Each structure stands twice: as structure tokens, then as C-alpha cells.
PDB file of N, CA and C in Angstrom:
ATOM      1  N   MET A   1       5.923 -15.465  12.778  1.00  0.00           N
ATOM      2  CA  MET A   1       6.195 -14.261  13.688  1.00  0.00           C
ATOM      3  C   MET A   1       5.337 -12.999  13.051  1.00  0.00           C
ATOM      4  N   PHE A   2       4.762 -12.366  14.127  1.00  0.00           N
ATOM      5  CA  PHE A   2       3.855 -11.244  13.781  1.00  0.00           C
ATOM      6  C   PHE A   2       4.401  -9.929  14.385  1.00  0.00           C
ATOM      7  N   VAL A   3       4.334  -8.878  13.781  1.00  0.00           N
ATOM      8  CA  VAL A   3       4.692  -7.709  14.318  1.00  0.00           C
ATOM      9  C   VAL A   3       3.524  -6.747  14.771  1.00  0.00           C
ATOM     10  N   ASP A   4       3.536  -6.196  15.984  1.00  0.00           N
ATOM     11  CA  ASP A   4       2.536  -5.305  16.445  1.00  0.00           C
ATOM     12  C   ASP A   4       2.586  -4.037  15.613  1.00  0.00           C
ATOM     13  N   LEU A   5       1.323  -3.639  15.178  1.00  0.00           N
ATOM     14  CA  LEU A   5       1.175  -2.299  14.647  1.00  0.00           C
ATOM     15  C   LEU A   5       0.861  -1.237  15.542  1.00  0.00           C
ATOM     16  N   GLY A   6       1.522  -0.289  15.736  1.00  0.00           N
ATOM     17  CA  GLY A   6       1.131   0.851  16.659  1.00  0.00           C
ATOM     18  C   GLY A   6       2.263   1.345  17.526  1.00  0.00           C
ATOM     19  N   ALA A   7       2.064   2.451  18.187  1.00  0.00           N
ATOM     20  CA  ALA A   7       3.102   2.860  19.128  1.00  0.00           C
ATOM     21  C   ALA A   7       2.375   2.964  20.500  1.00  0.00           C
ATOM     22  N   SER A   8       3.317   3.226  21.516  1.00  0.00           N
ATOM     23  CA  SER A   8       2.580   3.327  22.855  1.00  0.00           C
ATOM     24  C   SER A   8       3.439   4.557  23.531  1.00  0.00           C
ATOM     25  N   LYS A   9       2.799   5.207  24.475  1.00  0.00           N
ATOM     26  CA  LYS A   9       3.294   6.352  25.173  1.00  0.00           C
ATOM     27  C   LYS A   9       3.403   5.679  26.675  1.00  0.00           C
ATOM     28  N   ILE A  10       4.400   6.316  27.349  1.00  0.00           N
ATOM     29  CA  ILE A  10       4.672   5.969  28.780  1.00  0.00           C
ATOM     30  C   ILE A  10       4.304   7.184  29.659  1.00  0.00           C
ATOM     31  N   ALA A  11       4.311   7.176  30.842  1.00  0.00           N
ATOM     32  CA  ALA A  11       3.834   8.221  31.796  1.00  0.00           C
ATOM     33  C   ALA A  11       4.287   9.679  31.364  1.00  0.00           C
ATOM     34  N   ASP A  12       5.507   9.968  30.986  1.00  0.00           N
ATOM     35  CA  ASP A  12       6.004  10.985  30.854  1.00  0.00           C
ATOM     36  C   ASP A  12       5.657  11.620  29.452  1.00  0.00           C
ATOM     37  N   ASN A  13       4.856  11.043  28.617  1.00  0.00           N
ATOM     38  CA  ASN A  13       4.293  11.255  27.327  1.00  0.00           C
ATOM     39  C   ASN A  13       5.416  11.074  26.171  1.00  0.00           C
ATOM     40  N   SER A  14       6.488  10.466  26.416  1.00  0.00           N
ATOM     41  CA  SER A  14       7.375  10.035  25.581  1.00  0.00           C
ATOM     42  C   SER A  14       7.039   8.720  24.806  1.00  0.00           C
ATOM     43  N   ILE A  15       7.509   8.370  23.605  1.00  0.00           N
ATOM     44  CA  ILE A  15       7.094   7.219  23.002  1.00  0.00           C
ATOM     45  C   ILE A  15       8.111   6.107  23.468  1.00  0.00           C
ATOM     46  N   GLU A  16       7.221   5.096  23.669  1.00  0.00           N
ATOM     47  CA  GLU A  16       8.081   3.811  24.279  1.00  0.00           C
ATOM     48  C   GLU A  16       8.755   3.101  23.240  1.00  0.00           C
ATOM     49  N   GLY A  17       8.029   2.979  22.000  1.00  0.00           N
ATOM     50  CA  GLY A  17       8.524   2.243  21.115  1.00  0.00           C
ATOM     51  C   GLY A  17       7.329   1.403  20.280  1.00  0.00           C
ATOM     52  N   GLY A  18       7.470   0.774  19.177  1.00  0.00           N
ATOM     53  CA  GLY A  18       6.410   0.207  18.511  1.00  0.00           C
ATOM     54  C   GLY A  18       6.725   0.028  16.900  1.00  0.00           C
ATOM     55  N   PHE A  19       5.872  -0.516  16.308  1.00  0.00           N
ATOM     56  CA  PHE A  19       5.937  -0.701  14.885  1.00  0.00           C
ATOM     57  C   PHE A  19       4.733  -0.247  14.132  1.00  0.00           C
ATOM     58  N   ILE A  20       5.023   0.526  13.168  1.00  0.00           N
ATOM     59  CA  ILE A  20       3.726   1.168  12.435  1.00  0.00           C
ATOM     60  C   ILE A  20       3.942   0.894  10.817  1.00  0.00           C
ATOM     61  N   GLY A  21       2.669   0.384  10.314  1.00  0.00           N
ATOM     62  CA  GLY A  21       2.722   0.151   8.829  1.00  0.00           C
ATOM     63  C   GLY A  21       2.100   1.357   8.248  1.00  0.00           C
ATOM     64  N   ALA A  22       2.423   1.902   7.166  1.00  0.00           N
ATOM     65  CA  ALA A  22       1.620   3.056   6.525  1.00  0.00           C
ATOM     66  C   ALA A  22       1.788   2.966   5.038  1.00  0.00           C
ATOM     67  N   GLU A  23       0.799   3.714   4.312  1.00  0.00           N
ATOM     68  CA  GLU A  23       0.843   3.694   2.877  1.00  0.00           C
ATOM     69  C   GLU A  23       0.400   4.945   2.343  1.00  0.00           C
ATOM     70  N   LYS A  24       0.934   5.387   1.436  1.00  0.00           N
ATOM     71  CA  LYS A  24       0.659   6.767   0.794  1.00  0.00           C
ATOM     72  C   LYS A  24       1.038   6.575  -0.771  1.00  0.00           C
ATOM     73  N   ASN A  25       0.170   7.091  -1.676  1.00  0.00           N
ATOM     74  CA  ASN A  25       0.526   6.992  -3.075  1.00  0.00           C
ATOM     75  C   ASN A  25       1.209   5.899  -3.420  1.00  0.00           C
ATOM     76  N   ASN A  26       0.759   4.716  -3.293  1.00  0.00           N
ATOM     77  CA  ASN A  26       1.449   3.320  -3.621  1.00  0.00           C
ATOM     78  C   ASN A  26       2.686   3.229  -2.996  1.00  0.00           C
ATOM     79  N   ARG A  27       3.050   3.914  -2.102  1.00  0.00           N
ATOM     80  CA  ARG A  27       4.526   3.596  -1.550  1.00  0.00           C
ATOM     81  C   ARG A  27       4.082   3.145   0.137  1.00  0.00           C
ATOM     82  N   ARG A  28       4.464   1.830   0.224  1.00  0.00           N
ATOM     83  CA  ARG A  28       4.318   1.324   1.540  1.00  0.00           C
ATOM     84  C   ARG A  28       5.632   1.241   2.376  1.00  0.00           C
ATOM     85  N   ILE A  29       5.422   1.563   3.645  1.00  0.00           N
ATOM     86  CA  ILE A  29       6.581   1.611   4.547  1.00  0.00           C
ATOM     87  C   ILE A  29       6.213   0.968   5.893  1.00  0.00           C
ATOM     88  N   ALA A  30       7.283   0.477   6.631  1.00  0.00           N
ATOM     89  CA  ALA A  30       7.036  -0.049   7.943  1.00  0.00           C
ATOM     90  C   ALA A  30       8.114   0.904   8.661  1.00  0.00           C
ATOM     91  N   ILE A  31       7.615   1.248   9.889  1.00  0.00           N
ATOM     92  CA  ILE A  31       8.439   2.041  10.906  1.00  0.00           C
ATOM     93  C   ILE A  31       8.598   1.404  12.025  1.00  0.00           C
ATOM     94  N   GLU A  32       9.822   1.188  12.403  1.00  0.00           N
ATOM     95  CA  GLU A  32      10.099   0.560  13.793  1.00  0.00           C
ATOM     96  C   GLU A  32      10.671   1.822  14.667  1.00  0.00           C
ATOM     97  N   ILE A  33       9.905   2.007  15.729  1.00  0.00           N
ATOM     98  CA  ILE A  33      10.184   3.164  16.551  1.00  0.00           C
ATOM     99  C   ILE A  33      10.956   2.720  17.790  1.00  0.00           C
ATOM    100  N   LYS A  34      12.131   3.436  17.841  1.00  0.00           N
ATOM    101  CA  LYS A  34      12.953   2.971  19.068  1.00  0.00           C
ATOM    102  C   LYS A  34      13.531   4.128  19.785  1.00  0.00           C
ATOM    103  N   VAL A  35      13.504   3.991  21.235  1.00  0.00           N
ATOM    104  CA  VAL A  35      13.916   4.948  22.122  1.00  0.00           C
ATOM    105  C   VAL A  35      15.348   4.402  22.571  1.00  0.00           C
ATOM    106  N   LEU A  36      16.354   4.993  22.158  1.00  0.00           N
ATOM    107  CA  LEU A  36      17.779   4.712  22.454  1.00  0.00           C
ATOM    108  C   LEU A  36      18.463   5.360  23.591  1.00  0.00           C
ATOM    109  N   GLY A  37      19.331   4.818  24.528  1.00  0.00           N
ATOM    110  CA  GLY A  37      19.966   5.473  25.518  1.00  0.00           C
ATOM    111  C   GLY A  37      19.468   5.263  27.034  1.00  0.00           C
ATOM    112  N   ALA A  38      18.541   4.298  27.184  1.00  0.00           N
ATOM    113  CA  ALA A  38      18.021   4.191  28.386  1.00  0.00           C
ATOM    114  C   ALA A  38      19.027   3.907  29.427  1.00  0.00           C
ATOM    115  N   LYS A  39      19.836   2.943  29.363  1.00  0.00           N
ATOM    116  CA  LYS A  39      21.011   2.645  30.170  1.00  0.00           C
ATOM    117  C   LYS A  39      22.194   2.591  29.312  1.00  0.00           C
ATOM    118  N   SER A  40      22.283   2.116  28.249  1.00  0.00           N
ATOM    119  CA  SER A  40      23.336   2.155  27.457  1.00  0.00           C
ATOM    120  C   SER A  40      22.953   2.293  25.840  1.00  0.00           C
ATOM    121  N   ILE A  41      23.445   3.317  25.294  1.00  0.00           N
ATOM    122  CA  ILE A  41      22.946   3.621  23.897  1.00  0.00           C
ATOM    123  C   ILE A  41      23.576   2.645  22.820  1.00  0.00           C
ATOM    124  N   ILE A  42      24.636   2.296  23.163  1.00  0.00           N
ATOM    125  CA  ILE A  42      25.286   1.337  22.375  1.00  0.00           C
ATOM    126  C   ILE A  42      24.472  -0.105  22.375  1.00  0.00           C
ATOM    127  N   ARG A  43      24.057  -0.568  23.676  1.00  0.00           N
ATOM    128  CA  ARG A  43      23.302  -1.737  23.562  1.00  0.00           C
ATOM    129  C   ARG A  43      21.930  -1.718  23.052  1.00  0.00           C
ATOM    130  N   ASP A  44      21.361  -0.598  23.220  1.00  0.00           N
ATOM    131  CA  ASP A  44      20.029  -0.189  22.689  1.00  0.00           C
ATOM    132  C   ASP A  44      20.173  -0.322  21.111  1.00  0.00           C
ATOM    133  N   LEU A  45      21.447   0.201  20.593  1.00  0.00           N
ATOM    134  CA  LEU A  45      21.661   0.543  19.180  1.00  0.00           C
ATOM    135  C   LEU A  45      21.724  -1.193  18.691  1.00  0.00           C
ATOM    136  N   GLU A  46      22.400  -1.811  19.507  1.00  0.00           N
ATOM    137  CA  GLU A  46      22.780  -3.250  18.880  1.00  0.00           C
ATOM    138  C   GLU A  46      21.237  -3.836  18.653  1.00  0.00           C
ATOM    139  N   GLN A  47      20.599  -3.885  19.811  1.00  0.00           N
ATOM    140  CA  GLN A  47      19.114  -4.316  19.689  1.00  0.00           C
ATOM    141  C   GLN A  47      18.393  -3.887  18.541  1.00  0.00           C
ATOM    142  N   ALA A  48      18.379  -2.518  18.294  1.00  0.00           N
ATOM    143  CA  ALA A  48      17.609  -2.028  17.354  1.00  0.00           C
ATOM    144  C   ALA A  48      17.991  -2.262  16.016  1.00  0.00           C
ATOM    145  N   ILE A  49      19.389  -2.419  15.779  1.00  0.00           N
ATOM    146  CA  ILE A  49      19.677  -2.880  14.446  1.00  0.00           C
ATOM    147  C   ILE A  49      19.337  -4.370  14.085  1.00  0.00           C
ATOM    148  N   GLY A  50      19.612  -5.074  15.093  1.00  0.00           N
ATOM    149  CA  GLY A  50      19.216  -6.541  15.029  1.00  0.00           C
ATOM    150  C   GLY A  50      17.678  -6.754  14.726  1.00  0.00           C
ATOM    151  N   GLN A  51      16.882  -5.789  15.429  1.00  0.00           N
ATOM    152  CA  GLN A  51      15.445  -6.087  15.144  1.00  0.00           C
ATOM    153  C   GLN A  51      15.272  -5.554  13.672  1.00  0.00           C
ATOM    154  N   TYR A  52      15.898  -4.390  13.376  1.00  0.00           N
ATOM    155  CA  TYR A  52      15.546  -3.741  11.988  1.00  0.00           C
ATOM    156  C   TYR A  52      15.922  -4.787  10.995  1.00  0.00           C
ATOM    157  N   ILE A  53      17.107  -5.486  11.023  1.00  0.00           N
ATOM    158  CA  ILE A  53      17.648  -6.486  10.060  1.00  0.00           C
ATOM    159  C   ILE A  53      16.605  -7.732  10.069  1.00  0.00           C
ATOM    160  N   LEU A  54      16.247  -8.083  11.124  1.00  0.00           N
ATOM    161  CA  LEU A  54      15.130  -9.300  11.194  1.00  0.00           C
ATOM    162  C   LEU A  54      13.862  -8.862  10.548  1.00  0.00           C
ATOM    163  N   TYR A  55      13.471  -7.588  10.719  1.00  0.00           N
ATOM    164  CA  TYR A  55      12.034  -7.196  10.341  1.00  0.00           C
ATOM    165  C   TYR A  55      12.256  -7.040   8.724  1.00  0.00           C
ATOM    166  N   GLN A  56      13.410  -6.568   8.442  1.00  0.00           N
ATOM    167  CA  GLN A  56      13.778  -6.336   6.855  1.00  0.00           C
ATOM    168  C   GLN A  56      13.620  -7.670   6.202  1.00  0.00           C
ATOM    169  N   LEU A  57      14.404  -8.688   6.650  1.00  0.00           N
ATOM    170  CA  LEU A  57      14.261 -10.016   6.384  1.00  0.00           C
ATOM    171  C   LEU A  57      12.856 -10.641   6.039  1.00  0.00           C
ATOM    172  N   LEU A  58      12.071 -10.356   7.106  1.00  0.00           N
ATOM    173  CA  LEU A  58      10.724 -11.018   7.360  1.00  0.00           C
ATOM    174  C   LEU A  58       9.874 -10.293   6.099  1.00  0.00           C
ATOM    175  N   LEU A  59       9.984  -8.996   6.048  1.00  0.00           N
ATOM    176  CA  LEU A  59       9.101  -8.155   5.248  1.00  0.00           C
ATOM    177  C   LEU A  59       9.379  -8.452   3.659  1.00  0.00           C
ATOM    178  N   HIS A  60      10.775  -8.844   3.480  1.00  0.00           N
ATOM    179  CA  HIS A  60      11.087  -9.082   2.168  1.00  0.00           C
ATOM    180  C   HIS A  60      10.332 -10.394   1.652  1.00  0.00           C
ATOM    181  N   LYS A  61      10.006 -11.175   2.607  1.00  0.00           N
ATOM    182  CA  LYS A  61       9.432 -12.481   2.329  1.00  0.00           C
ATOM    183  C   LYS A  61       7.861 -12.385   2.252  1.00  0.00           C
ATOM    184  N   VAL A  62       7.401 -11.657   3.135  1.00  0.00           N
ATOM    185  CA  VAL A  62       5.807 -11.480   3.330  1.00  0.00           C
ATOM    186  C   VAL A  62       5.316 -10.252   2.712  1.00  0.00           C
ATOM    187  N   ASP A  63       6.010  -9.248   2.460  1.00  0.00           N
ATOM    188  CA  ASP A  63       5.534  -7.984   1.938  1.00  0.00           C
ATOM    189  C   ASP A  63       6.830  -7.147   1.201  1.00  0.00           C
ATOM    190  N   PRO A  64       7.243  -7.708  -0.046  1.00  0.00           N
ATOM    191  CA  PRO A  64       8.298  -7.297  -0.602  1.00  0.00           C
ATOM    192  C   PRO A  64       8.467  -5.873  -0.970  1.00  0.00           C
ATOM    193  N   GLY A  65       7.223  -5.310  -1.181  1.00  0.00           N
ATOM    194  CA  GLY A  65       7.131  -4.074  -1.676  1.00  0.00           C
ATOM    195  C   GLY A  65       7.178  -2.907  -0.615  1.00  0.00           C
ATOM    196  N   ARG A  66       7.487  -3.299   0.746  1.00  0.00           N
ATOM    197  CA  ARG A  66       7.336  -2.424   1.903  1.00  0.00           C
ATOM    198  C   ARG A  66       8.675  -2.119   2.191  1.00  0.00           C
ATOM    199  N   ASP A  67       9.159  -0.728   2.394  1.00  0.00           N
ATOM    200  CA  ASP A  67      10.441  -0.430   2.955  1.00  0.00           C
ATOM    201  C   ASP A  67      10.048  -0.331   4.325  1.00  0.00           C
ATOM    202  N   ILE A  68      11.353  -0.620   5.077  1.00  0.00           N
ATOM    203  CA  ILE A  68      11.367  -0.584   6.615  1.00  0.00           C
ATOM    204  C   ILE A  68      12.230   0.664   7.019  1.00  0.00           C
ATOM    205  N   TYR A  69      11.712   1.477   8.046  1.00  0.00           N
ATOM    206  CA  TYR A  69      12.574   2.614   8.458  1.00  0.00           C
ATOM    207  C   TYR A  69      12.748   2.527  10.076  1.00  0.00           C
ATOM    208  N   LEU A  70      13.788   2.913  10.457  1.00  0.00           N
ATOM    209  CA  LEU A  70      14.136   2.865  11.895  1.00  0.00           C
ATOM    210  C   LEU A  70      13.865   4.302  12.272  1.00  0.00           C
ATOM    211  N   ALA A  71      12.836   4.571  13.307  1.00  0.00           N
ATOM    212  CA  ALA A  71      12.676   6.030  13.569  1.00  0.00           C
ATOM    213  C   ALA A  71      13.241   6.310  15.089  1.00  0.00           C
ATOM    214  N   ILE A  72      14.013   7.483  15.046  1.00  0.00           N
ATOM    215  CA  ILE A  72      14.506   7.830  16.471  1.00  0.00           C
ATOM    216  C   ILE A  72      14.346   9.190  16.694  1.00  0.00           C
ATOM    217  N   SER A  73      14.491   9.781  17.795  1.00  0.00           N
ATOM    218  CA  SER A  73      14.277  11.127  18.071  1.00  0.00           C
ATOM    219  C   SER A  73      15.355  12.050  17.601  1.00  0.00           C
ATOM    220  N   ASP A  74      15.064  13.247  17.411  1.00  0.00           N
ATOM    221  CA  ASP A  74      16.089  14.182  16.899  1.00  0.00           C
ATOM    222  C   ASP A  74      17.206  14.306  17.788  1.00  0.00           C
ATOM    223  N   THR A  75      16.873  14.306  19.231  1.00  0.00           N
ATOM    224  CA  THR A  75      17.946  14.456  20.212  1.00  0.00           C
ATOM    225  C   THR A  75      18.895  13.282  20.099  1.00  0.00           C
ATOM    226  N   VAL A  76      18.427  12.059  19.868  1.00  0.00           N
ATOM    227  CA  VAL A  76      19.365  10.944  19.792  1.00  0.00           C
ATOM    228  C   VAL A  76      20.275  11.021  18.550  1.00  0.00           C
ATOM    229  N   TYR A  77      19.580  11.402  17.597  1.00  0.00           N
ATOM    230  CA  TYR A  77      20.222  11.741  16.321  1.00  0.00           C
ATOM    231  C   TYR A  77      21.385  12.668  16.476  1.00  0.00           C
ATOM    232  N   GLU A  78      21.129  13.804  16.996  1.00  0.00           N
ATOM    233  CA  GLU A  78      22.059  14.990  17.192  1.00  0.00           C
ATOM    234  C   GLU A  78      23.213  14.623  18.045  1.00  0.00           C
ATOM    235  N   ASN A  79      22.851  13.928  19.215  1.00  0.00           N
ATOM    236  CA  ASN A  79      23.748  13.486  20.348  1.00  0.00           C
ATOM    237  C   ASN A  79      24.559  12.330  20.043  1.00  0.00           C
ATOM    238  N   PHE A  80      24.047  11.287  19.356  1.00  0.00           N
ATOM    239  CA  PHE A  80      24.804  10.206  19.016  1.00  0.00           C
ATOM    240  C   PHE A  80      25.176   9.960  17.637  1.00  0.00           C
ATOM    241  N   PHE A  81      24.301  10.158  16.593  1.00  0.00           N
ATOM    242  CA  PHE A  81      24.600   9.848  15.234  1.00  0.00           C
ATOM    243  C   PHE A  81      25.366  10.830  14.498  1.00  0.00           C
ATOM    244  N   GLN A  82      25.639  11.860  15.221  1.00  0.00           N
ATOM    245  CA  GLN A  82      26.722  12.944  14.459  1.00  0.00           C
ATOM    246  C   GLN A  82      28.090  12.745  15.182  1.00  0.00           C
ATOM    247  N   GLU A  83      28.087  11.736  16.120  1.00  0.00           N
ATOM    248  CA  GLU A  83      29.478  11.207  16.611  1.00  0.00           C
ATOM    249  C   GLU A  83      30.019  10.229  15.548  1.00  0.00           C
ATOM    250  N   PRO A  84      31.272   9.939  15.797  1.00  0.00           N
ATOM    251  CA  PRO A  84      32.004   8.979  14.713  1.00  0.00           C
ATOM    252  C   PRO A  84      31.436   7.485  14.651  1.00  0.00           C
ATOM    253  N   ILE A  85      30.984   6.972  15.647  1.00  0.00           N
ATOM    254  CA  ILE A  85      30.093   5.621  15.778  1.00  0.00           C
ATOM    255  C   ILE A  85      28.936   5.763  15.145  1.00  0.00           C
ATOM    256  N   GLY A  86      28.133   6.823  15.372  1.00  0.00           N
ATOM    257  CA  GLY A  86      26.852   7.075  14.725  1.00  0.00           C
ATOM    258  C   GLY A  86      26.987   7.158  13.247  1.00  0.00           C
ATOM    259  N   GLU A  87      27.975   8.086  12.944  1.00  0.00           N
ATOM    260  CA  GLU A  87      28.136   8.428  11.438  1.00  0.00           C
ATOM    261  C   GLU A  87      28.534   6.916  10.728  1.00  0.00           C
ATOM    262  N   LEU A  88      29.444   6.302  11.364  1.00  0.00           N
ATOM    263  CA  LEU A  88      29.829   4.845  10.731  1.00  0.00           C
ATOM    264  C   LEU A  88      28.580   4.037  10.585  1.00  0.00           C
ATOM    265  N   VAL A  89      27.627   3.872  11.482  1.00  0.00           N
ATOM    266  CA  VAL A  89      26.505   3.187  11.382  1.00  0.00           C
ATOM    267  C   VAL A  89      25.735   3.648  10.160  1.00  0.00           C
ATOM    268  N   ILE A  90      25.356   4.963  10.080  1.00  0.00           N
ATOM    269  CA  ILE A  90      24.649   5.572   9.012  1.00  0.00           C
ATOM    270  C   ILE A  90      25.210   5.402   7.796  1.00  0.00           C
ATOM    271  N   ASN A  91      26.477   5.547   7.527  1.00  0.00           N
ATOM    272  CA  ASN A  91      27.361   5.414   6.193  1.00  0.00           C
ATOM    273  C   ASN A  91      27.560   4.093   5.784  1.00  0.00           C
ATOM    274  N   GLU A  92      27.735   3.132   6.721  1.00  0.00           N
ATOM    275  CA  GLU A  92      27.947   1.577   6.373  1.00  0.00           C
ATOM    276  C   GLU A  92      26.823   0.541   6.285  1.00  0.00           C
ATOM    277  N   LEU A  93      25.926   0.806   7.182  1.00  0.00           N
ATOM    278  CA  LEU A  93      24.791  -0.147   7.190  1.00  0.00           C
ATOM    279  C   LEU A  93      23.742   0.398   6.201  1.00  0.00           C
ATOM    280  N   PRO A  94      22.992  -0.550   5.644  1.00  0.00           N
ATOM    281  CA  PRO A  94      21.927  -0.185   4.726  1.00  0.00           C
ATOM    282  C   PRO A  94      20.806   0.168   5.600  1.00  0.00           C
ATOM    283  N   LEU A  95      20.821   1.166   6.360  1.00  0.00           N
ATOM    284  CA  LEU A  95      19.631   1.593   7.336  1.00  0.00           C
ATOM    285  C   LEU A  95      18.888   2.722   6.729  1.00  0.00           C
ATOM    286  N   LYS A  96      17.503   2.738   6.723  1.00  0.00           N
ATOM    287  CA  LYS A  96      16.707   3.865   6.479  1.00  0.00           C
ATOM    288  C   LYS A  96      16.231   4.339   7.569  1.00  0.00           C
ATOM    289  N   MET A  97      16.330   5.639   7.809  1.00  0.00           N
ATOM    290  CA  MET A  97      15.909   6.177   9.059  1.00  0.00           C
ATOM    291  C   MET A  97      15.080   7.417   8.924  1.00  0.00           C
ATOM    292  N   ILE A  98      14.142   7.502   9.939  1.00  0.00           N
ATOM    293  CA  ILE A  98      13.271   8.688  10.124  1.00  0.00           C
ATOM    294  C   ILE A  98      13.718   9.589  11.384  1.00  0.00           C
ATOM    295  N   ILE A  99      13.998  10.650  11.243  1.00  0.00           N
ATOM    296  CA  ILE A  99      14.379  11.452  12.563  1.00  0.00           C
ATOM    297  C   ILE A  99      13.005  12.277  12.938  1.00  0.00           C
ATOM    298  N   ILE A 100      12.743  12.224  14.207  1.00  0.00           N
ATOM    299  CA  ILE A 100      11.395  12.849  14.693  1.00  0.00           C
ATOM    300  C   ILE A 100      11.830  13.894  15.857  1.00  0.00           C
ATOM    301  N   ASN A 101      11.089  14.973  15.654  1.00  0.00           N
ATOM    302  CA  ASN A 101      11.087  15.911  16.762  1.00  0.00           C
ATOM    303  C   ASN A 101       9.960  15.607  17.522  1.00  0.00           C
ATOM    304  N   LEU A 102      10.015  15.136  18.710  1.00  0.00           N
ATOM    305  CA  LEU A 102       9.120  14.681  19.653  1.00  0.00           C
ATOM    306  C   LEU A 102       8.365  15.681  20.202  1.00  0.00           C
ATOM    307  N   GLN A 103       8.955  16.858  20.388  1.00  0.00           N
ATOM    308  CA  GLN A 103       8.075  18.103  20.895  1.00  0.00           C
ATOM    309  C   GLN A 103       7.184  18.557  20.034  1.00  0.00           C
ATOM    310  N   GLU A 104       7.434  18.743  18.716  1.00  0.00           N
ATOM    311  CA  GLU A 104       6.536  19.157  17.676  1.00  0.00           C
ATOM    312  C   GLU A 104       5.937  18.016  17.008  1.00  0.00           C
ATOM    313  N   VAL A 105       6.204  16.784  17.204  1.00  0.00           N
ATOM    314  CA  VAL A 105       5.693  15.497  16.730  1.00  0.00           C
ATOM    315  C   VAL A 105       5.686  15.703  15.308  1.00  0.00           C
ATOM    316  N   GLU A 106       6.751  15.809  14.740  1.00  0.00           N
ATOM    317  CA  GLU A 106       6.859  15.835  13.288  1.00  0.00           C
ATOM    318  C   GLU A 106       8.221  15.246  12.749  1.00  0.00           C
ATOM    319  N   ILE A 107       8.334  14.667  11.655  1.00  0.00           N
ATOM    320  CA  ILE A 107       9.383  14.132  10.911  1.00  0.00           C
ATOM    321  C   ILE A 107      10.250  15.411  10.598  1.00  0.00           C
ATOM    322  N   THR A 108      11.563  15.328  10.942  1.00  0.00           N
ATOM    323  CA  THR A 108      12.570  16.368  10.620  1.00  0.00           C
ATOM    324  C   THR A 108      13.605  15.914   9.523  1.00  0.00           C
ATOM    325  N   LYS A 109      13.660  14.672   9.313  1.00  0.00           N
ATOM    326  CA  LYS A 109      14.609  14.199   8.397  1.00  0.00           C
ATOM    327  C   LYS A 109      14.411  12.669   8.074  1.00  0.00           C
ATOM    328  N   TRP A 110      14.568  12.380   6.664  1.00  0.00           N
ATOM    329  CA  TRP A 110      14.467  11.120   6.175  1.00  0.00           C
ATOM    330  C   TRP A 110      15.839  10.727   5.701  1.00  0.00           C
ATOM    331  N   ILE A 111      16.286   9.631   6.160  1.00  0.00           N
ATOM    332  CA  ILE A 111      17.834   9.180   5.729  1.00  0.00           C
ATOM    333  C   ILE A 111      17.368   7.800   4.898  1.00  0.00           C
ATOM    334  N   ASN A 112      17.877   7.801   3.683  1.00  0.00           N
ATOM    335  CA  ASN A 112      17.579   6.718   2.836  1.00  0.00           C
ATOM    336  C   ASN A 112      19.047   6.048   2.645  1.00  0.00           C
TER     337      ASN A 112
END
């Protein structure tokens, strides 16, 4: 199984999704970019968590020194992950997340 490296944009300039590998100061990370909430944020979250866990398992075998992060927009984080079910996901699952402000194109929060 291979993971595509890169991200893609759709017509309205929003990020569609993708997988990015990065390295800095001997720290290697992989980032799975997800857009949640197209039709059902819960359904999208189920898929994102499943992919995250699968990629985590695979990376552990092929590149054990690389940490994986799930990247989501700050809007999704504020509107969903501040609610009880979102807080449960963050507090109970071993998810590393990156919160991104899509307007400013910058990382606003790292969750380890």
C-alpha cells in the first residue's frame, strides 16, 4: 500500500485532502489532511479516524520514526471538537492533530 504525498485544491480554493510527509530538525511527521462535514461530520470523522489508524499502523512498520497527524480546519475544530463528542475523541483516542486556519494558511494549534 502506498500513500500519496501532497494536497489538492478544489474549485473554491479549499483543500480537498491529501497526505503530506515532512521533516525538520530530525523530526519526521506525516500529515493526513481531512475536510470533515460535507454531508455528515460523524461519517467523515469515522472515515478519518479509520484512515489515521491504518496509516499509523503502516508507518510503524515502514517508517517507525515518523509521527502521523490528522489536519483539520480551525472552523471544524471550533464547531465540532469543542462539543462533547469532539472532546471525547480528542481526550480518549491517541490522535495527534494539527489545526489549520485556511484563510491565513497557517497552523494555529498542535494537539499531541
